[in-house]
Amino acid sequence: MSHPRTHTRQRAFTLLEILVVVAIVALLVAVTTMVGSAVVNSGKKKATLGVLQTLDSALAAYMDEKGEKPPALVEISYAQLPENFPDAQSGESLYFPAIDGRGRESTSDDLFEVNSVALFIESAKVVPSTQNIVNSINPKFLQNWSPSEDYFPFMLTAFDAWENPIRYVHPKFDGIVEREGRSLGDAGEPVNIINPNKPFFVTGALPMNPARRVRMNFVRRNRLIDADFGDAGLSGGGGGGPGALSDFELVPDSDGGITSGDRPYFYSAGPDGNPATIEDNIYITPPQLADPGVE
């Protein structure tokens, strides 16, 4: 007895169906990546806030004990300085400004980030309770670091969860520092902290022989805005003779926050590590922000 053969016809996927499936998979991957990234950044923000709160507690302990805020100029002993440090003589101390900005020590135009939070930690260690609070920070966020081995000593530094040093804003240097009446395209003027005619130090605030003992006598804290440089933006230059300015010089370098009640504060520059992009900076309490004035 014979049985008739049955033929099963297999239908192939059309190109359109394949493209739809690929698109759905790509969308799911993108959504998963976005959600995962948001979760990771949320965790990093929480960890960073923990570091900021610990530093703020250390600051409170210092001010309770001393009855005053930490100094704006922080003494660094000769033993802490890098080998062959410029102009340093054995046995003398140097004074570094606890400023949120970039300093220049070489004869070139290269600028390096001032390790402001390390200067706070250094100045506050005279109060044992403050030192104990700082040491309670998770070791993965606390290590010795120097932004420039030639001009800045390795010092104990607190980092955020994106591995950028925490920033420290002292009332002596808060707000935007720039040349008065700056015009569009003008990069501004470095701050000369050893010049007594500028308002950053009153008479007697500088140590003897400041030209040698105060480091980073030129510090940039100018916050440039995209409008300064036309359609090309900050990195491409634009109006106002940008050819005379290097790309590095155009990078904004401070958040411009005004301290509250003459009390220093700490903040993280956020995921991008740029203090001037204030929209992603992380604060315990957001400070009052001062934008640059332009003619």
Protein backbone atom coordinates (compact mmCIF):
# COMPACT_ATOMS: atom_id res chain seq x y z
CA MET A 1 0.00 0.00 0.00
CA SER A 2 1.56 3.22 -1.07
CA HIS A 3 1.22 6.59 0.64
CA PRO A 4 1.16 9.81 -1.28
CA ARG A 5 4.18 12.03 -0.66
CA THR A 6 3.50 15.23 1.15
CA HIS A 7 5.72 18.20 0.46
CA THR A 8 6.35 20.79 3.21
CA ARG A 9 7.04 24.12 1.71
CA GLN A 10 9.45 26.18 3.84
CA ARG A 11 8.99 29.91 3.61
CA ALA A 12 12.12 32.09 3.65
CA PHE A 13 12.34 35.41 5.51
CA THR A 14 12.07 38.42 3.31
CA LEU A 15 14.71 41.13 3.38
CA LEU A 16 12.23 43.50 4.99
CA GLU A 17 11.54 41.07 7.83
CA ILE A 18 15.25 40.59 8.46
CA LEU A 19 15.78 44.36 8.57
CA VAL A 20 12.92 44.74 11.04
CA VAL A 21 14.43 42.08 13.33
CA VAL A 22 17.88 43.71 13.11
CA ALA A 23 16.36 47.10 13.93
CA ILE A 24 14.52 45.69 16.95
CA VAL A 25 17.70 44.01 18.24
CA ALA A 26 19.69 47.25 17.73
CA LEU A 27 17.03 49.21 19.59
CA LEU A 28 17.06 46.76 22.49
CA VAL A 29 20.87 46.93 22.67
CA ALA A 30 20.77 50.76 22.65
CA VAL A 31 18.11 50.88 25.38
CA THR A 32 20.04 48.36 27.49
CA THR A 33 23.25 50.36 27.05
CA MET A 34 21.52 53.63 27.98
CA VAL A 35 19.90 52.11 31.05
CA GLY A 36 23.17 50.46 32.08
CA SER A 37 25.10 53.69 31.61
CA ALA A 38 22.51 55.62 33.64
CA VAL A 39 22.74 53.07 36.45
CA VAL A 40 26.55 53.22 36.44
CA ASN A 41 26.59 57.03 36.44
CA SER A 42 23.99 57.10 39.21
CA GLY A 43 26.22 54.86 41.31
CA LYS A 44 29.27 57.02 40.56
CA LYS A 45 27.39 60.17 41.48
CA LYS A 46 26.33 58.63 44.79
CA ALA A 47 29.92 57.56 45.56
CA THR A 48 31.21 61.01 44.61
CA LEU A 49 28.68 62.72 46.87
CA GLY A 50 29.94 60.52 49.70
CA VAL A 51 33.50 61.79 49.14
CA LEU A 52 32.29 65.40 48.99
CA GLN A 53 30.30 65.03 52.21
CA THR A 54 33.30 63.52 54.01
CA LEU A 55 35.52 66.39 52.89
CA ASP A 56 32.89 68.88 54.02
CA SER A 57 32.81 67.17 57.43
CA ALA A 58 36.61 67.49 57.59
CA LEU A 59 36.31 71.20 56.77
CA ALA A 60 33.69 71.64 59.52
CA ALA A 61 35.97 69.91 62.03
CA TYR A 62 38.85 72.21 61.06
CA MET A 63 36.76 75.37 61.40
CA ASP A 64 35.30 74.24 64.73
CA GLU A 65 38.77 73.60 66.12
CA LYS A 66 40.59 76.63 64.68
CA GLY A 67 37.71 79.12 64.63
CA GLU A 68 38.62 80.20 61.11
CA LYS A 69 38.71 78.88 57.55
CA PRO A 70 41.85 77.17 56.16
CA PRO A 71 44.53 79.47 54.70
CA ALA A 72 44.41 80.60 51.08
CA LEU A 73 48.17 80.12 50.81
CA VAL A 74 49.31 76.67 51.86
CA GLU A 75 52.84 76.11 53.12
CA ILE A 76 54.71 73.18 51.55
CA SER A 77 58.03 72.18 53.11
CA TYR A 78 61.17 71.70 51.06
CA ALA A 79 61.12 67.96 51.83
CA GLN A 80 57.76 67.62 50.04
CA LEU A 81 58.89 69.28 46.82
CA PRO A 82 59.89 67.38 43.68
CA GLU A 83 63.60 66.85 43.16
CA ASN A 84 65.36 69.87 41.61
CA PHE A 85 62.29 72.03 42.15
CA PRO A 86 62.84 75.45 40.48
CA ASP A 87 64.15 78.20 42.78
CA ALA A 88 63.71 76.12 45.93
CA GLN A 89 66.50 76.21 48.51
CA SER A 90 67.10 73.50 51.06
CA GLY A 91 65.32 74.15 54.33
CA GLU A 92 62.83 76.73 53.05
CA SER A 93 59.11 76.38 52.51
CA LEU A 94 57.07 77.45 49.51
CA TYR A 95 53.49 78.69 49.47
CA PHE A 96 50.91 77.44 46.98
CA PRO A 97 47.58 79.21 46.36
CA ALA A 98 44.55 77.01 47.09
CA ILE A 99 42.86 78.13 43.91
CA ASP A 100 40.46 76.36 41.56
CA GLY A 101 42.18 76.98 38.25
CA ARG A 102 45.28 76.26 36.19
CA GLY A 103 48.78 77.44 37.01
CA ARG A 104 51.81 78.19 34.87
CA GLU A 105 55.37 77.85 36.11
CA SER A 106 57.37 77.15 32.97
CA THR A 107 58.36 79.73 30.37
CA SER A 108 56.05 78.07 27.86
CA ASP A 109 52.31 78.63 27.72
CA ASP A 110 51.53 75.17 29.10
CA LEU A 111 49.08 75.25 31.98
CA PHE A 112 48.46 72.51 34.51
CA GLU A 113 45.60 71.97 36.90
CA VAL A 114 46.15 73.23 40.43
CA ASN A 115 45.64 70.37 42.88
CA SER A 116 43.32 72.43 45.04
CA VAL A 117 41.82 69.66 47.19
CA ALA A 118 45.30 68.39 48.08
CA LEU A 119 46.16 71.87 49.34
CA PHE A 120 43.10 71.77 51.60
CA ILE A 121 44.08 68.34 52.94
CA GLU A 122 47.61 69.59 53.54
CA SER A 123 46.51 72.76 55.34
CA ALA A 124 43.93 70.91 57.47
CA LYS A 125 46.18 68.13 58.73
CA VAL A 126 47.23 70.27 61.70
CA VAL A 127 43.86 69.32 63.22
CA PRO A 128 43.99 65.57 64.06
CA SER A 129 40.21 65.10 63.87
CA THR A 130 40.23 66.55 60.37
CA GLN A 131 43.00 64.18 59.31
CA ASN A 132 41.06 61.22 60.72
CA ILE A 133 37.95 62.20 58.76
CA VAL A 134 39.91 62.51 55.52
CA ASN A 135 41.54 59.12 56.12
CA SER A 136 38.09 57.56 56.45
CA ILE A 137 37.48 58.09 52.72
CA ASN A 138 37.49 54.84 50.73
CA PRO A 139 41.15 54.27 49.71
CA LYS A 140 40.16 53.91 46.04
CA PHE A 141 39.23 57.62 46.12
CA LEU A 142 42.32 58.74 48.05
CA GLN A 143 45.87 58.62 46.71
CA ASN A 144 49.03 60.65 46.17
CA TRP A 145 48.98 62.56 42.89
CA SER A 146 50.61 65.47 41.11
CA PRO A 147 49.23 67.34 38.08
CA SER A 148 52.79 68.25 37.05
CA GLU A 149 55.77 66.45 38.55
CA ASP A 150 58.08 69.35 37.72
CA TYR A 151 56.08 72.08 39.43
CA PHE A 152 53.74 70.49 41.95
CA PRO A 153 54.58 68.01 44.73
CA PHE A 154 52.89 64.63 45.01
CA MET A 155 50.23 65.13 47.67
CA LEU A 156 47.33 63.23 49.17
CA THR A 157 44.37 63.90 46.88
CA ALA A 158 40.68 62.99 46.95
CA PHE A 159 39.17 61.82 43.66
CA ASP A 160 35.64 61.43 42.36
CA ALA A 161 34.25 58.19 40.91
CA TRP A 162 35.39 59.23 37.40
CA GLU A 163 39.00 59.37 38.66
CA ASN A 164 39.22 63.17 38.48
CA PRO A 165 40.52 65.13 41.49
CA ILE A 166 37.87 66.83 43.60
CA ARG A 167 37.95 70.61 43.26
CA TYR A 168 38.21 73.03 46.22
CA VAL A 169 36.97 76.63 46.08
CA HIS A 170 38.39 79.03 48.66
CA PRO A 171 36.62 82.38 49.35
CA LYS A 172 39.87 84.17 48.52
CA PHE A 173 39.56 83.04 44.90
CA ASP A 174 35.85 82.46 44.35
CA GLY A 175 33.87 83.77 41.39
CA ILE A 176 35.12 84.39 37.89
CA VAL A 177 38.51 86.09 37.64
CA GLU A 178 39.02 87.90 34.37
CA ARG A 179 40.12 91.17 32.85
CA GLU A 180 37.57 93.90 33.35
CA GLY A 181 35.61 94.76 30.23
CA ARG A 182 36.62 91.63 28.32
CA SER A 183 35.40 91.65 24.72
CA LEU A 184 34.30 88.71 22.57
CA GLY A 185 37.24 86.56 21.53
CA ASP A 186 39.50 87.92 24.27
CA ALA A 187 40.89 85.02 26.28
CA GLY A 188 41.34 87.19 29.35
CA GLU A 189 44.32 87.65 31.58
CA PRO A 190 46.16 85.27 33.91
CA VAL A 191 45.88 86.11 37.60
CA ASN A 192 49.17 87.37 39.00
CA ILE A 193 48.79 86.49 42.68
CA ILE A 194 52.06 88.14 43.71
CA ASN A 195 50.93 91.56 42.50
CA PRO A 196 49.76 93.50 45.61
CA ASN A 197 47.77 95.89 43.39
CA LYS A 198 45.31 93.13 42.53
CA PRO A 199 42.54 92.31 45.01
CA PHE A 200 43.43 88.71 45.73
CA PHE A 201 45.65 89.43 48.74
CA VAL A 202 45.65 92.32 51.15
CA THR A 203 48.86 93.94 52.36
CA GLY A 204 50.83 91.56 54.56
CA ALA A 205 49.10 88.42 53.30
CA LEU A 206 52.05 87.41 51.15
CA PRO A 207 55.17 85.80 52.64
CA MET A 208 58.57 87.43 52.38
CA ASN A 209 60.28 87.24 48.99
CA PRO A 210 57.01 86.30 47.22
CA ALA A 211 58.54 86.19 43.75
CA ARG A 212 60.36 83.02 44.74
CA ARG A 213 58.30 81.56 47.56
CA VAL A 214 54.78 81.83 46.15
CA ARG A 215 54.33 79.25 43.42
CA MET A 216 52.07 79.49 40.38
CA ASN A 217 52.19 83.25 40.25
CA PHE A 218 50.16 83.10 37.05
CA VAL A 219 46.85 81.26 37.39
CA ARG A 220 44.03 81.17 34.84
CA ARG A 221 40.44 81.09 36.03
CA ASN A 222 38.77 82.70 33.05
CA ARG A 223 35.58 80.97 31.98
CA LEU A 224 35.12 81.44 28.25
CA ILE A 225 31.77 80.88 26.58
CA ASP A 226 31.06 79.34 23.19
CA ALA A 227 29.75 82.64 21.85
CA ASP A 228 33.24 84.11 22.19
CA PHE A 229 34.51 82.09 19.28
CA GLY A 230 31.74 82.11 16.73
CA ASP A 231 30.40 79.08 14.91
CA ALA A 232 33.63 77.11 15.41
CA GLY A 233 33.12 77.03 19.17
CA LEU A 234 35.80 76.85 21.85
CA SER A 235 38.09 74.37 20.13
CA GLY A 236 38.09 75.93 16.68
CA GLY A 237 38.65 79.58 17.41
CA GLY A 238 36.66 82.41 15.88
CA GLY A 239 36.27 86.15 16.22
CA GLY A 240 38.68 88.47 17.99
CA GLY A 241 41.98 87.22 16.58
CA PRO A 242 41.87 83.55 17.67
CA GLY A 243 45.00 82.77 15.70
CA ALA A 244 47.06 84.13 18.59
CA LEU A 245 45.49 81.65 21.00
CA SER A 246 46.21 77.94 21.28
CA ASP A 247 43.38 75.44 21.63
CA PHE A 248 44.61 74.58 25.12
CA GLU A 249 44.33 78.19 26.25
CA LEU A 250 40.68 78.27 25.23
CA VAL A 251 39.65 75.54 27.67
CA PRO A 252 37.51 76.97 30.51
CA ASP A 253 39.12 76.13 33.82
CA SER A 254 36.92 76.97 36.80
CA ASP A 255 33.28 76.76 37.80
CA GLY A 256 33.01 80.36 38.98
CA GLY A 257 31.05 79.54 42.10
CA ILE A 258 30.61 82.13 44.85
CA THR A 259 31.19 80.71 48.32
CA SER A 260 28.36 81.00 50.82
CA GLY A 261 29.03 82.69 54.15
CA ASP A 262 32.76 83.03 53.41
CA ARG A 263 33.06 79.22 53.70
CA PRO A 264 35.02 77.08 51.22
CA TYR A 265 33.23 74.32 49.34
CA PHE A 266 34.10 71.18 47.37
CA TYR A 267 32.72 69.91 44.07
CA SER A 268 33.31 67.31 41.38
CA ALA A 269 33.76 68.28 37.74
CA GLY A 270 31.51 65.35 36.82
CA PRO A 271 31.89 62.74 34.08
CA ASP A 272 33.67 65.04 31.61
CA GLY A 273 36.24 66.24 34.16
CA ASN A 274 35.79 69.86 33.03
CA PRO A 275 35.01 72.24 35.93
CA ALA A 276 33.57 74.91 33.64
CA THR A 277 30.80 72.73 32.20
CA ILE A 278 28.73 73.43 35.29
CA GLU A 279 25.67 71.50 34.11
CA ASP A 280 27.26 68.16 35.05
CA ASN A 281 29.26 69.32 38.08
CA ILE A 282 28.34 67.68 41.39
CA TYR A 283 27.90 69.76 44.55
CA ILE A 284 26.58 69.06 48.03
CA THR A 285 24.77 72.40 47.80
CA PRO A 286 24.99 74.22 44.43
CA PRO A 287 26.78 77.57 44.86
CA GLN A 288 25.76 80.86 43.33
CA LEU A 289 27.34 80.97 39.88
CA ALA A 290 28.77 84.06 38.25
CA ASP A 291 28.97 84.20 34.47
CA PRO A 292 31.61 86.32 32.76
CA GLY A 293 30.60 89.75 31.59
CA VAL A 294 31.36 90.67 28.01
CA GLU A 295 31.22 94.03 26.28
